[in-house]
Amino acid sequence: VGANILAGGAFDGASMNPAVSFGPAVVSWTWDNQWV
C-alpha cells in the first residue's frame, strides 16, 4: 500500500480501499468521481 501510494498518489490519491475514500466523502459531502 505504501509503495502504491508513491506510484499513484500524485494522480488520484491512490485509494485502493472504498472505505478510505467513503469516510472523507461523507463528512465533507464531496462526491465527485466517488464511483472511481
All heavy atoms as atom14 arrays in JSON, in Angstrom:
{
  "sequence": "VGANILAGGAFDGASMNPAVSFGPAVVSWTWDNQWV",
  "atom14_mask": [
    [1, 1, 1, 1, 1, 1, 1, 0, 0, 0, 0, 0, 0, 0],
    [1, 1, 1, 1, 0, 0, 0, 0, 0, 0, 0, 0, 0, 0],
    [1, 1, 1, 1, 1, 0, 0, 0, 0, 0, 0, 0, 0, 0],
    [1, 1, 1, 1, 1, 1, 1, 1, 0, 0, 0, 0, 0, 0],
    [1, 1, 1, 1, 1, 1, 1, 1, 0, 0, 0, 0, 0, 0],
    [1, 1, 1, 1, 1, 1, 1, 1, 0, 0, 0, 0, 0, 0],
    [1, 1, 1, 1, 1, 0, 0, 0, 0, 0, 0, 0, 0, 0],
    [1, 1, 1, 1, 0, 0, 0, 0, 0, 0, 0, 0, 0, 0],
    [1, 1, 1, 1, 0, 0, 0, 0, 0, 0, 0, 0, 0, 0],
    [1, 1, 1, 1, 1, 0, 0, 0, 0, 0, 0, 0, 0, 0],
    [1, 1, 1, 1, 1, 1, 1, 1, 1, 1, 1, 0, 0, 0],
    [1, 1, 1, 1, 1, 1, 1, 1, 0, 0, 0, 0, 0, 0],
    [1, 1, 1, 1, 0, 0, 0, 0, 0, 0, 0, 0, 0, 0],
    [1, 1, 1, 1, 1, 0, 0, 0, 0, 0, 0, 0, 0, 0],
    [1, 1, 1, 1, 1, 1, 0, 0, 0, 0, 0, 0, 0, 0],
    [1, 1, 1, 1, 1, 1, 1, 1, 0, 0, 0, 0, 0, 0],
    [1, 1, 1, 1, 1, 1, 1, 1, 0, 0, 0, 0, 0, 0],
    [1, 1, 1, 1, 1, 1, 1, 0, 0, 0, 0, 0, 0, 0],
    [1, 1, 1, 1, 1, 0, 0, 0, 0, 0, 0, 0, 0, 0],
    [1, 1, 1, 1, 1, 1, 1, 0, 0, 0, 0, 0, 0, 0],
    [1, 1, 1, 1, 1, 1, 0, 0, 0, 0, 0, 0, 0, 0],
    [1, 1, 1, 1, 1, 1, 1, 1, 1, 1, 1, 0, 0, 0],
    [1, 1, 1, 1, 0, 0, 0, 0, 0, 0, 0, 0, 0, 0],
    [1, 1, 1, 1, 1, 1, 1, 0, 0, 0, 0, 0, 0, 0],
    [1, 1, 1, 1, 1, 0, 0, 0, 0, 0, 0, 0, 0, 0],
    [1, 1, 1, 1, 1, 1, 1, 0, 0, 0, 0, 0, 0, 0],
    [1, 1, 1, 1, 1, 1, 1, 0, 0, 0, 0, 0, 0, 0],
    [1, 1, 1, 1, 1, 1, 0, 0, 0, 0, 0, 0, 0, 0],
    [1, 1, 1, 1, 1, 1, 1, 1, 1, 1, 1, 1, 1, 1],
    [1, 1, 1, 1, 1, 1, 1, 0, 0, 0, 0, 0, 0, 0],
    [1, 1, 1, 1, 1, 1, 1, 1, 1, 1, 1, 1, 1, 1],
    [1, 1, 1, 1, 1, 1, 1, 1, 0, 0, 0, 0, 0, 0],
    [1, 1, 1, 1, 1, 1, 1, 1, 0, 0, 0, 0, 0, 0],
    [1, 1, 1, 1, 1, 1, 1, 1, 1, 0, 0, 0, 0, 0],
    [1, 1, 1, 1, 1, 1, 1, 1, 1, 1, 1, 1, 1, 1],
    [1, 1, 1, 1, 1, 1, 1, 0, 0, 0, 0, 0, 0, 0]
  ],
  "atom14_positions": [
    [[0.83, -1.2, 0.0], [0.0, 0.0, 0.0], [0.87, 1.25, 0.0], [0.62, 2.2, -0.74], [-0.97, -0.01, 1.2], [-1.58, 1.37, 1.42], [-2.07, -1.03, 0.97], [0.0, 0.0, 0.0], [0.0, 0.0, 0.0], [0.0, 0.0, 0.0], [0.0, 0.0, 0.0], [0.0, 0.0, 0.0], [0.0, 0.0, 0.0], [0.0, 0.0, 0.0]],
    [[1.92, 1.26, 0.81], [2.83, 2.41, 0.83], [3.49, 2.63, -0.52], [3.59, 3.76, -1.0], [0.0, 0.0, 0.0], [0.0, 0.0, 0.0], [0.0, 0.0, 0.0], [0.0, 0.0, 0.0], [0.0, 0.0, 0.0], [0.0, 0.0, 0.0], [0.0, 0.0, 0.0], [0.0, 0.0, 0.0], [0.0, 0.0, 0.0], [0.0, 0.0, 0.0]],
    [[3.92, 1.54, -1.16], [4.56, 1.66, -2.47], [3.59, 2.15, -3.52], [3.93, 2.98, -4.38], [5.14, 0.3, -2.88], [0.0, 0.0, 0.0], [0.0, 0.0, 0.0], [0.0, 0.0, 0.0], [0.0, 0.0, 0.0], [0.0, 0.0, 0.0], [0.0, 0.0, 0.0], [0.0, 0.0, 0.0], [0.0, 0.0, 0.0], [0.0, 0.0, 0.0]],
    [[2.35, 1.65, -3.47], [1.35, 2.09, -4.45], [0.98, 3.56, -4.28], [0.66, 4.24, -5.25], [0.09, 1.23, -4.34], [0.24, -0.1, -5.06], [1.09, -0.25, -5.93], [-0.58, -1.07, -4.69], [0.0, 0.0, 0.0], [0.0, 0.0, 0.0], [0.0, 0.0, 0.0], [0.0, 0.0, 0.0], [0.0, 0.0, 0.0], [0.0, 0.0, 0.0]],
    [[1.01, 4.05, -3.04], [0.75, 5.48, -2.82], [1.85, 6.31, -3.47], [1.59, 7.36, -4.07], [0.63, 5.78, -1.32], [-0.68, 5.21, -0.77], [0.69, 7.29, -1.05], [-0.84, 5.32, 0.72], [0.0, 0.0, 0.0], [0.0, 0.0, 0.0], [0.0, 0.0, 0.0], [0.0, 0.0, 0.0], [0.0, 0.0, 0.0], [0.0, 0.0, 0.0]],
    [[3.08, 5.85, -3.39], [4.18, 6.55, -4.06], [3.97, 6.56, -5.57], [4.34, 7.51, -6.26], [5.51, 5.89, -3.73], [6.01, 6.04, -2.29], [7.3, 5.25, -2.09], [6.24, 7.51, -1.93], [0.0, 0.0, 0.0], [0.0, 0.0, 0.0], [0.0, 0.0, 0.0], [0.0, 0.0, 0.0], [0.0, 0.0, 0.0], [0.0, 0.0, 0.0]],
    [[3.38, 5.48, -6.1], [3.16, 5.38, -7.55], [1.94, 6.16, -8.01], [1.99, 6.85, -9.04], [3.02, 3.91, -7.95], [0.0, 0.0, 0.0], [0.0, 0.0, 0.0], [0.0, 0.0, 0.0], [0.0, 0.0, 0.0], [0.0, 0.0, 0.0], [0.0, 0.0, 0.0], [0.0, 0.0, 0.0], [0.0, 0.0, 0.0], [0.0, 0.0, 0.0]],
    [[0.84, 6.06, -7.27], [-0.41, 6.65, -7.76], [-0.94, 7.82, -6.98], [-1.92, 8.46, -7.4], [0.0, 0.0, 0.0], [0.0, 0.0, 0.0], [0.0, 0.0, 0.0], [0.0, 0.0, 0.0], [0.0, 0.0, 0.0], [0.0, 0.0, 0.0], [0.0, 0.0, 0.0], [0.0, 0.0, 0.0], [0.0, 0.0, 0.0], [0.0, 0.0, 0.0]],
    [[-0.32, 8.12, -5.85], [-0.84, 9.19, -5.01], [-0.92, 10.54, -5.69], [-1.86, 11.32, -5.44], [0.0, 0.0, 0.0], [0.0, 0.0, 0.0], [0.0, 0.0, 0.0], [0.0, 0.0, 0.0], [0.0, 0.0, 0.0], [0.0, 0.0, 0.0], [0.0, 0.0, 0.0], [0.0, 0.0, 0.0], [0.0, 0.0, 0.0], [0.0, 0.0, 0.0]],
    [[0.02, 10.83, -6.55], [0.04, 12.13, -7.23], [-1.0, 12.23, -8.33], [-1.25, 13.32, -8.86], [1.43, 12.39, -7.81], [0.0, 0.0, 0.0], [0.0, 0.0, 0.0], [0.0, 0.0, 0.0], [0.0, 0.0, 0.0], [0.0, 0.0, 0.0], [0.0, 0.0, 0.0], [0.0, 0.0, 0.0], [0.0, 0.0, 0.0], [0.0, 0.0, 0.0]],
    [[-1.61, 11.11, -8.69], [-2.56, 11.1, -9.8], [-4.02, 11.07, -9.33], [-4.84, 11.87, -9.79], [-2.28, 9.9, -10.71], [-0.93, 9.96, -11.36], [0.17, 9.35, -10.76], [-0.74, 10.64, -12.55], [1.42, 9.4, -11.34], [0.51, 10.71, -13.15], [1.6, 10.09, -12.54], [0.0, 0.0, 0.0], [0.0, 0.0, 0.0], [0.0, 0.0, 0.0]],
    [[-4.34, 10.13, -8.43], [-5.73, 10.05, -7.98], [-5.86, 9.84, -6.48], [-6.94, 9.59, -5.97], [-6.48, 8.94, -8.73], [-6.13, 7.55, -8.22], [-5.01, 7.36, -7.71], [-6.98, 6.64, -8.33], [0.0, 0.0, 0.0], [0.0, 0.0, 0.0], [0.0, 0.0, 0.0], [0.0, 0.0, 0.0], [0.0, 0.0, 0.0], [0.0, 0.0, 0.0]],
    [[-4.76, 9.96, -5.75], [-4.78, 9.77, -4.31], [-4.48, 8.36, -3.86], [-4.2, 8.12, -2.7], [0.0, 0.0, 0.0], [0.0, 0.0, 0.0], [0.0, 0.0, 0.0], [0.0, 0.0, 0.0], [0.0, 0.0, 0.0], [0.0, 0.0, 0.0], [0.0, 0.0, 0.0], [0.0, 0.0, 0.0], [0.0, 0.0, 0.0], [0.0, 0.0, 0.0]],
    [[-4.52, 7.41, -4.8], [-4.19, 6.01, -4.52], [-5.01, 5.46, -3.35], [-4.49, 5.18, -2.28], [-2.69, 5.85, -4.25], [0.0, 0.0, 0.0], [0.0, 0.0, 0.0], [0.0, 0.0, 0.0], [0.0, 0.0, 0.0], [0.0, 0.0, 0.0], [0.0, 0.0, 0.0], [0.0, 0.0, 0.0], [0.0, 0.0, 0.0], [0.0, 0.0, 0.0]],
    [[-6.29, 5.27, -3.56], [-7.17, 4.78, -2.51], [-7.01, 3.29, -2.28], [-6.66, 2.86, -1.18], [-8.63, 5.09, -2.84], [-9.5, 4.45, -1.93], [0.0, 0.0, 0.0], [0.0, 0.0, 0.0], [0.0, 0.0, 0.0], [0.0, 0.0, 0.0], [0.0, 0.0, 0.0], [0.0, 0.0, 0.0], [0.0, 0.0, 0.0], [0.0, 0.0, 0.0]],
    [[-7.3, 2.47, -3.3], [-7.25, 1.01, -3.19], [-8.24, 0.46, -2.17], [-8.21, -0.72, -1.84], [-5.84, 0.5, -2.82], [-4.76, 0.82, -3.8], [-3.1, 0.57, -3.1], [-2.88, 2.14, -2.24], [0.0, 0.0, 0.0], [0.0, 0.0, 0.0], [0.0, 0.0, 0.0], [0.0, 0.0, 0.0], [0.0, 0.0, 0.0], [0.0, 0.0, 0.0]],
    [[-9.08, 1.32, -1.63], [-9.92, 0.95, -0.5], [-11.18, 1.81, -0.49], [-11.1, 3.0, -0.14], [-9.13, 1.14, 0.8], [-9.85, 0.64, 2.03], [-11.08, 0.61, 2.09], [-9.08, 0.26, 3.04], [0.0, 0.0, 0.0], [0.0, 0.0, 0.0], [0.0, 0.0, 0.0], [0.0, 0.0, 0.0], [0.0, 0.0, 0.0], [0.0, 0.0, 0.0]],
    [[-12.33, 1.27, -0.9], [-13.55, 2.08, -0.92], [-13.91, 2.73, 0.41], [-14.47, 3.83, 0.44], [-14.62, 1.07, -1.35], [-13.88, 0.05, -2.15], [-12.56, -0.09, -1.44], [0.0, 0.0, 0.0], [0.0, 0.0, 0.0], [0.0, 0.0, 0.0], [0.0, 0.0, 0.0], [0.0, 0.0, 0.0], [0.0, 0.0, 0.0], [0.0, 0.0, 0.0]],
    [[-13.59, 2.07, 1.52], [-13.9, 2.65, 2.83], [-13.08, 3.9, 3.09], [-13.57, 4.89, 3.65], [-13.66, 1.62, 3.95], [0.0, 0.0, 0.0], [0.0, 0.0, 0.0], [0.0, 0.0, 0.0], [0.0, 0.0, 0.0], [0.0, 0.0, 0.0], [0.0, 0.0, 0.0], [0.0, 0.0, 0.0], [0.0, 0.0, 0.0], [0.0, 0.0, 0.0]],
    [[-11.81, 3.88, 2.67], [-10.92, 5.02, 2.9], [-11.41, 6.25, 2.15], [-11.28, 7.38, 2.64], [-9.48, 4.66, 2.46], [-8.6, 5.89, 2.35], [-8.86, 3.68, 3.45], [0.0, 0.0, 0.0], [0.0, 0.0, 0.0], [0.0, 0.0, 0.0], [0.0, 0.0, 0.0], [0.0, 0.0, 0.0], [0.0, 0.0, 0.0], [0.0, 0.0, 0.0]],
    [[-11.98, 6.06, 0.98], [-12.5, 7.2, 0.21], [-13.92, 7.57, 0.62], [-14.34, 8.72, 0.44], [-12.45, 6.9, -1.29], [-13.11, 5.69, -1.59], [0.0, 0.0, 0.0], [0.0, 0.0, 0.0], [0.0, 0.0, 0.0], [0.0, 0.0, 0.0], [0.0, 0.0, 0.0], [0.0, 0.0, 0.0], [0.0, 0.0, 0.0], [0.0, 0.0, 0.0]],
    [[-14.65, 6.61, 1.19], [-16.05, 6.85, 1.56], [-16.17, 7.78, 2.76], [-16.98, 8.72, 2.75], [-16.73, 5.52, 1.86], [-18.19, 5.64, 2.23], [-19.15, 5.87, 1.26], [-18.6, 5.5, 3.55], [-20.49, 5.97, 1.6], [-19.93, 5.59, 3.9], [-20.89, 5.83, 2.93], [0.0, 0.0, 0.0], [0.0, 0.0, 0.0], [0.0, 0.0, 0.0]],
    [[-15.39, 7.55, 3.82], [-15.49, 8.35, 5.03], [-15.29, 9.85, 4.8], [-16.16, 10.66, 5.17], [0.0, 0.0, 0.0], [0.0, 0.0, 0.0], [0.0, 0.0, 0.0], [0.0, 0.0, 0.0], [0.0, 0.0, 0.0], [0.0, 0.0, 0.0], [0.0, 0.0, 0.0], [0.0, 0.0, 0.0], [0.0, 0.0, 0.0], [0.0, 0.0, 0.0]],
    [[-14.19, 10.25, 4.17], [-13.99, 11.68, 3.89], [-15.07, 12.27, 3.0], [-15.44, 13.43, 3.15], [-12.62, 11.7, 3.19], [-11.93, 10.48, 3.66], [-13.01, 9.45, 3.82], [0.0, 0.0, 0.0], [0.0, 0.0, 0.0], [0.0, 0.0, 0.0], [0.0, 0.0, 0.0], [0.0, 0.0, 0.0], [0.0, 0.0, 0.0], [0.0, 0.0, 0.0]],
    [[-15.57, 11.46, 2.04], [-16.63, 11.95, 1.15], [-17.9, 12.25, 1.93], [-18.57, 13.26, 1.69], [-16.91, 10.93, 0.05], [0.0, 0.0, 0.0], [0.0, 0.0, 0.0], [0.0, 0.0, 0.0], [0.0, 0.0, 0.0], [0.0, 0.0, 0.0], [0.0, 0.0, 0.0], [0.0, 0.0, 0.0], [0.0, 0.0, 0.0], [0.0, 0.0, 0.0]],
    [[-18.24, 11.39, 2.89], [-19.44, 11.6, 3.7], [-19.3, 12.84, 4.56], [-20.19, 13.71, 4.6], [-19.72, 10.37, 4.59], [-20.82, 10.68, 5.61], [-20.13, 9.18, 3.73], [0.0, 0.0, 0.0], [0.0, 0.0, 0.0], [0.0, 0.0, 0.0], [0.0, 0.0, 0.0], [0.0, 0.0, 0.0], [0.0, 0.0, 0.0], [0.0, 0.0, 0.0]],
    [[-18.19, 12.94, 5.27], [-18.02, 14.04, 6.23], [-17.87, 15.39, 5.52], [-18.37, 16.41, 6.0], [-16.8, 13.76, 7.14], [-16.54, 14.95, 8.07], [-17.05, 12.5, 7.97], [0.0, 0.0, 0.0], [0.0, 0.0, 0.0], [0.0, 0.0, 0.0], [0.0, 0.0, 0.0], [0.0, 0.0, 0.0], [0.0, 0.0, 0.0], [0.0, 0.0, 0.0]],
    [[-17.19, 15.4, 4.37], [-17.05, 16.67, 3.62], [-18.18, 16.85, 2.62], [-18.32, 17.9, 2.02], [-15.72, 16.69, 2.87], [-15.7, 15.69, 1.85], [0.0, 0.0, 0.0], [0.0, 0.0, 0.0], [0.0, 0.0, 0.0], [0.0, 0.0, 0.0], [0.0, 0.0, 0.0], [0.0, 0.0, 0.0], [0.0, 0.0, 0.0], [0.0, 0.0, 0.0]],
    [[-19.0, 15.81, 2.46], [-20.09, 15.77, 1.48], [-19.6, 16.18, 0.09], [-20.16, 17.03, -0.58], [-21.27, 16.6, 1.94], [-22.57, 16.09, 1.4], [-23.36, 16.67, 0.45], [-23.19, 14.85, 1.75], [-24.45, 15.87, 0.18], [-24.38, 14.74, 0.97], [-22.88, 13.81, 2.62], [-25.24, 13.65, 1.06], [-23.74, 12.73, 2.72], [-24.9, 12.67, 1.94]],
    [[-18.54, 15.49, -0.35], [-17.96, 15.71, -1.66], [-17.96, 14.38, -2.39], [-17.25, 13.45, -2.0], [-16.52, 16.24, -1.54], [-16.52, 17.44, -0.76], [-15.94, 16.54, -2.92], [0.0, 0.0, 0.0], [0.0, 0.0, 0.0], [0.0, 0.0, 0.0], [0.0, 0.0, 0.0], [0.0, 0.0, 0.0], [0.0, 0.0, 0.0], [0.0, 0.0, 0.0]],
    [[-18.72, 14.28, -3.48], [-18.92, 13.0, -4.13], [-18.38, 12.97, -5.56], [-18.66, 12.03, -6.3], [-20.4, 12.64, -4.13], [-20.94, 12.51, -2.75], [-21.63, 13.44, -2.04], [-20.81, 11.38, -1.88], [-21.94, 12.98, -0.79], [-21.45, 11.71, -0.66], [-20.21, 10.12, -2.0], [-21.51, 10.82, 0.42], [-20.27, 9.24, -0.94], [-20.9, 9.6, 0.25]],
    [[-17.6, 13.95, -5.95], [-17.06, 13.98, -7.31], [-16.22, 12.73, -7.58], [-15.26, 12.44, -6.86], [-16.19, 15.22, -7.52], [-16.99, 16.51, -7.43], [-18.23, 16.44, -7.53], [-16.38, 17.58, -7.27], [0.0, 0.0, 0.0], [0.0, 0.0, 0.0], [0.0, 0.0, 0.0], [0.0, 0.0, 0.0], [0.0, 0.0, 0.0], [0.0, 0.0, 0.0]],
    [[-16.59, 12.01, -8.62], [-15.85, 10.82, -9.06], [-15.7, 9.75, -7.98], [-14.8, 8.9, -8.05], [-14.45, 11.22, -9.57], [-14.51, 12.17, -10.73], [-15.27, 11.97, -11.68], [-13.72, 13.25, -10.67], [0.0, 0.0, 0.0], [0.0, 0.0, 0.0], [0.0, 0.0, 0.0], [0.0, 0.0, 0.0], [0.0, 0.0, 0.0], [0.0, 0.0, 0.0]],
    [[-16.6, 9.74, -6.99], [-16.51, 8.75, -5.93], [-16.6, 7.32, -6.48], [-15.97, 6.4, -5.96], [-17.62, 8.99, -4.9], [-17.74, 7.96, -3.8], [-16.59, 7.97, -2.82], [-16.41, 7.02, -2.06], [-15.82, 9.05, -2.81], [0.0, 0.0, 0.0], [0.0, 0.0, 0.0], [0.0, 0.0, 0.0], [0.0, 0.0, 0.0], [0.0, 0.0, 0.0]],
    [[-17.34, 7.16, -7.57], [-17.51, 5.83, -8.15], [-16.18, 5.22, -8.58], [-16.02, 3.98, -8.57], [-18.48, 5.89, -9.33], [-17.99, 6.67, -10.51], [-18.15, 8.0, -10.74], [-17.23, 6.16, -11.62], [-17.55, 8.37, -11.93], [-16.99, 7.26, -12.48], [-16.75, 4.9, -11.97], [-16.27, 7.12, -13.68], [-16.03, 4.76, -13.15], [-15.8, 5.86, -13.98]],
    [[-15.24, 6.07, -8.96], [-13.92, 5.59, -9.39], [-13.27, 4.76, -8.29], [-12.64, 3.72, -8.55], [-13.01, 6.77, -9.76], [-11.55, 6.31, -9.92], [-13.49, 7.44, -11.05], [0.0, 0.0, 0.0], [0.0, 0.0, 0.0], [0.0, 0.0, 0.0], [0.0, 0.0, 0.0], [0.0, 0.0, 0.0], [0.0, 0.0, 0.0], [0.0, 0.0, 0.0]]
  ]
}
